[in-house]
Amino acid sequence: MINHRPTRFAVILPLMMLATAMGTLPAGAQSSPTIGRVKIVTGAAFVVRAGTPVPATPGLALLETDSLKTGADGRLGVSLNDDTRISIGPDSEARLSRYRYAPAQGAIALVLNFIRGAAVYASGQIAKLSPDAVRLETPAAIVGVRGTTVAVRVDPE
């Protein structure tokens, strides 16, 4: 009688090969953690990921270094994992340059670049836990946050 039960080697080898292959993927091909979600979309609005515009839809996951961009009739509202809320108006662009929210590990940071247009930032848990960990940047200024709401307008030069 033939035993059709796989040996340990036959089970472990494919798993080891898969783990090795996953470790050699280019950095951009590995999945990034979700840092938030799109909540509200009106008109032309996009999440720009790795240089590629993706039409924004409610529920779309956001990743660190995504940019938010709207057209002439666009409005976009997002919520991050720490309950930070960001809204941008028509003809606007903002980039999530850095986001970490792992308070148990002491890793919290938010750097948000407002590139053009109008936006509103409403602070979440990161600003409450460590106000110095939040930086809002514009072409002309860097704003520190102390747990509040900030409206920003960046006009083209």
Protein backbone atom coordinates (compact mmCIF):
# COMPACT_ATOMS: atom_id res chain seq x y z
CA MET A 1 0.00 0.00 0.00
CA ILE A 2 1.33 3.45 -0.96
CA ASN A 3 1.30 6.23 1.64
CA HIS A 4 0.10 9.49 0.01
CA ARG A 5 0.73 11.64 3.07
CA PRO A 6 3.18 14.48 2.25
CA THR A 7 6.47 14.44 4.06
CA ARG A 8 7.57 17.42 6.16
CA PHE A 9 10.10 18.27 3.48
CA ALA A 10 7.38 18.39 0.79
CA VAL A 11 5.35 20.83 2.93
CA ILE A 12 8.19 23.01 4.22
CA LEU A 13 10.10 23.42 0.95
CA PRO A 14 7.33 25.28 -0.95
CA LEU A 15 6.76 27.54 2.07
CA MET A 16 10.47 28.36 2.27
CA MET A 17 10.56 29.12 -1.45
CA LEU A 18 7.55 31.42 -1.15
CA ALA A 19 9.08 33.26 1.82
CA THR A 20 12.35 33.73 -0.08
CA ALA A 21 10.54 35.03 -3.16
CA MET A 22 8.47 37.49 -1.08
CA GLY A 23 11.63 38.85 0.52
CA THR A 24 13.10 39.68 -2.88
CA LEU A 25 10.17 41.68 -4.21
CA PRO A 26 10.91 45.32 -5.05
CA ALA A 27 9.98 47.68 -2.23
CA GLY A 28 7.09 49.17 -4.22
CA ALA A 29 5.59 45.75 -4.88
CA GLN A 30 5.24 44.85 -1.21
CA SER A 31 2.00 45.94 0.40
CA SER A 32 1.99 49.02 2.62
CA PRO A 33 -0.21 49.31 5.66
CA THR A 34 -3.47 51.19 5.29
CA ILE A 35 -3.28 54.54 7.10
CA GLY A 36 -6.85 55.69 6.51
CA ARG A 37 -9.78 55.79 4.10
CA VAL A 38 -11.53 58.14 1.73
CA LYS A 39 -14.84 59.21 3.30
CA ILE A 40 -16.43 61.79 0.98
CA VAL A 41 -15.94 62.49 -2.72
CA THR A 42 -17.55 65.09 -4.96
CA GLY A 43 -16.57 65.79 -8.56
CA ALA A 44 -13.10 65.03 -9.89
CA ALA A 45 -11.00 63.73 -7.01
CA PHE A 46 -8.02 61.38 -7.01
CA VAL A 47 -5.61 59.57 -4.76
CA VAL A 48 -2.21 59.71 -6.47
CA ARG A 49 -0.24 56.57 -5.60
CA ALA A 50 3.31 56.09 -6.90
CA GLY A 51 2.63 58.76 -9.54
CA THR A 52 -0.59 57.15 -10.79
CA PRO A 53 -3.93 58.91 -10.20
CA VAL A 54 -6.61 56.56 -8.86
CA PRO A 55 -10.20 57.88 -8.90
CA ALA A 56 -11.20 58.46 -5.28
CA THR A 57 -14.22 56.52 -4.05
CA PRO A 58 -15.63 56.27 -0.53
CA GLY A 59 -13.84 53.48 1.32
CA LEU A 60 -10.67 53.60 -0.81
CA ALA A 61 -7.67 52.75 1.37
CA LEU A 62 -4.93 55.36 1.83
CA LEU A 63 -1.25 54.50 2.06
CA GLU A 64 1.67 56.50 3.40
CA THR A 65 3.02 58.89 0.72
CA ASP A 66 -0.30 59.01 -1.17
CA SER A 67 -1.31 62.42 -2.48
CA LEU A 68 -4.84 63.80 -2.52
CA LYS A 69 -5.79 65.81 -5.60
CA THR A 70 -8.96 67.46 -6.85
CA GLY A 71 -10.07 69.03 -10.13
CA ALA A 72 -12.01 72.26 -10.66
CA ASP A 73 -15.25 70.70 -9.36
CA GLY A 74 -13.70 68.30 -6.85
CA ARG A 75 -13.87 67.95 -3.09
CA LEU A 76 -12.33 65.15 -1.05
CA GLY A 77 -12.58 64.18 2.62
CA VAL A 78 -10.47 61.51 4.30
CA SER A 79 -10.13 60.05 7.79
CA LEU A 80 -6.84 58.61 9.05
CA ASN A 81 -6.46 55.74 11.52
CA ASP A 82 -5.94 58.10 14.48
CA ASP A 83 -9.18 60.00 13.63
CA THR A 84 -7.35 62.88 11.93
CA ARG A 85 -9.61 64.35 9.26
CA ILE A 86 -8.45 66.13 6.12
CA SER A 87 -10.67 67.85 3.57
CA ILE A 88 -9.50 69.50 0.39
CA GLY A 89 -11.48 71.77 -1.91
CA PRO A 90 -11.50 72.35 -5.66
CA ASP A 91 -8.16 72.54 -7.54
CA SER A 92 -6.24 71.39 -4.46
CA GLU A 93 -3.43 68.99 -3.66
CA ALA A 94 -1.99 67.63 -0.42
CA ARG A 95 0.58 64.89 0.20
CA LEU A 96 0.74 62.50 3.17
CA SER A 97 4.54 62.59 3.49
CA ARG A 98 4.82 60.62 6.71
CA TYR A 99 2.31 58.76 8.87
CA ARG A 100 2.92 56.47 11.83
CA TYR A 101 0.29 55.55 14.38
CA ALA A 102 1.51 52.80 16.69
CA PRO A 103 1.23 54.40 20.15
CA ALA A 104 2.01 51.13 21.96
CA GLN A 105 5.41 51.10 20.24
CA GLY A 106 5.91 54.86 20.69
CA ALA A 107 5.81 55.41 16.92
CA ILE A 108 3.56 58.35 16.10
CA ALA A 109 4.10 60.99 13.42
CA LEU A 110 2.18 62.93 10.81
CA VAL A 111 3.70 65.17 8.14
CA LEU A 112 1.18 66.63 5.70
CA ASN A 113 2.27 68.85 2.78
CA PHE A 114 -0.29 71.28 1.39
CA ILE A 115 0.85 71.90 -2.19
CA ARG A 116 -1.96 74.05 -3.62
CA GLY A 117 -5.55 75.04 -3.05
CA ALA A 118 -7.68 75.01 0.08
CA ALA A 119 -7.75 72.41 2.84
CA VAL A 120 -8.94 71.85 6.38
CA TYR A 121 -7.09 69.68 8.91
CA ALA A 122 -8.82 68.48 12.09
CA SER A 123 -6.42 66.85 14.52
CA GLY A 124 -6.80 63.31 15.79
CA GLN A 125 -5.05 61.19 18.39
CA ILE A 126 -1.51 61.88 17.17
CA ALA A 127 -1.85 65.60 18.01
CA LYS A 128 -3.39 64.76 21.39
CA LEU A 129 -0.70 62.21 22.33
CA SER A 130 2.30 64.11 20.98
CA PRO A 131 1.64 67.56 19.47
CA ASP A 132 5.28 67.86 18.34
CA ALA A 133 4.81 64.76 16.17
CA VAL A 134 2.50 66.69 13.78
CA ARG A 135 3.83 68.96 11.05
CA LEU A 136 1.69 70.74 8.48
CA GLU A 137 3.83 72.11 5.66
CA THR A 138 3.12 74.66 2.94
CA PRO A 139 5.54 76.14 0.40
CA ALA A 140 5.89 79.19 2.68
CA ALA A 141 5.57 77.84 6.24
CA ILE A 142 5.65 74.87 8.61
CA VAL A 143 2.86 74.81 11.18
CA GLY A 144 3.00 72.99 14.50
CA VAL A 145 -0.31 71.71 15.81
CA ARG A 146 -1.64 71.74 19.34
CA GLY A 147 -4.83 69.71 18.95
CA THR A 148 -7.05 71.89 16.85
CA THR A 149 -8.55 72.56 13.44
CA VAL A 150 -6.53 74.43 10.83
CA ALA A 151 -7.70 75.89 7.51
CA VAL A 152 -5.02 76.42 4.87
CA ARG A 153 -5.02 78.12 1.49
CA VAL A 154 -1.98 77.81 -0.77
CA ASP A 155 -2.10 80.09 -3.82
CA PRO A 156 0.02 79.40 -6.89
CA GLU A 157 3.15 81.52 -7.07
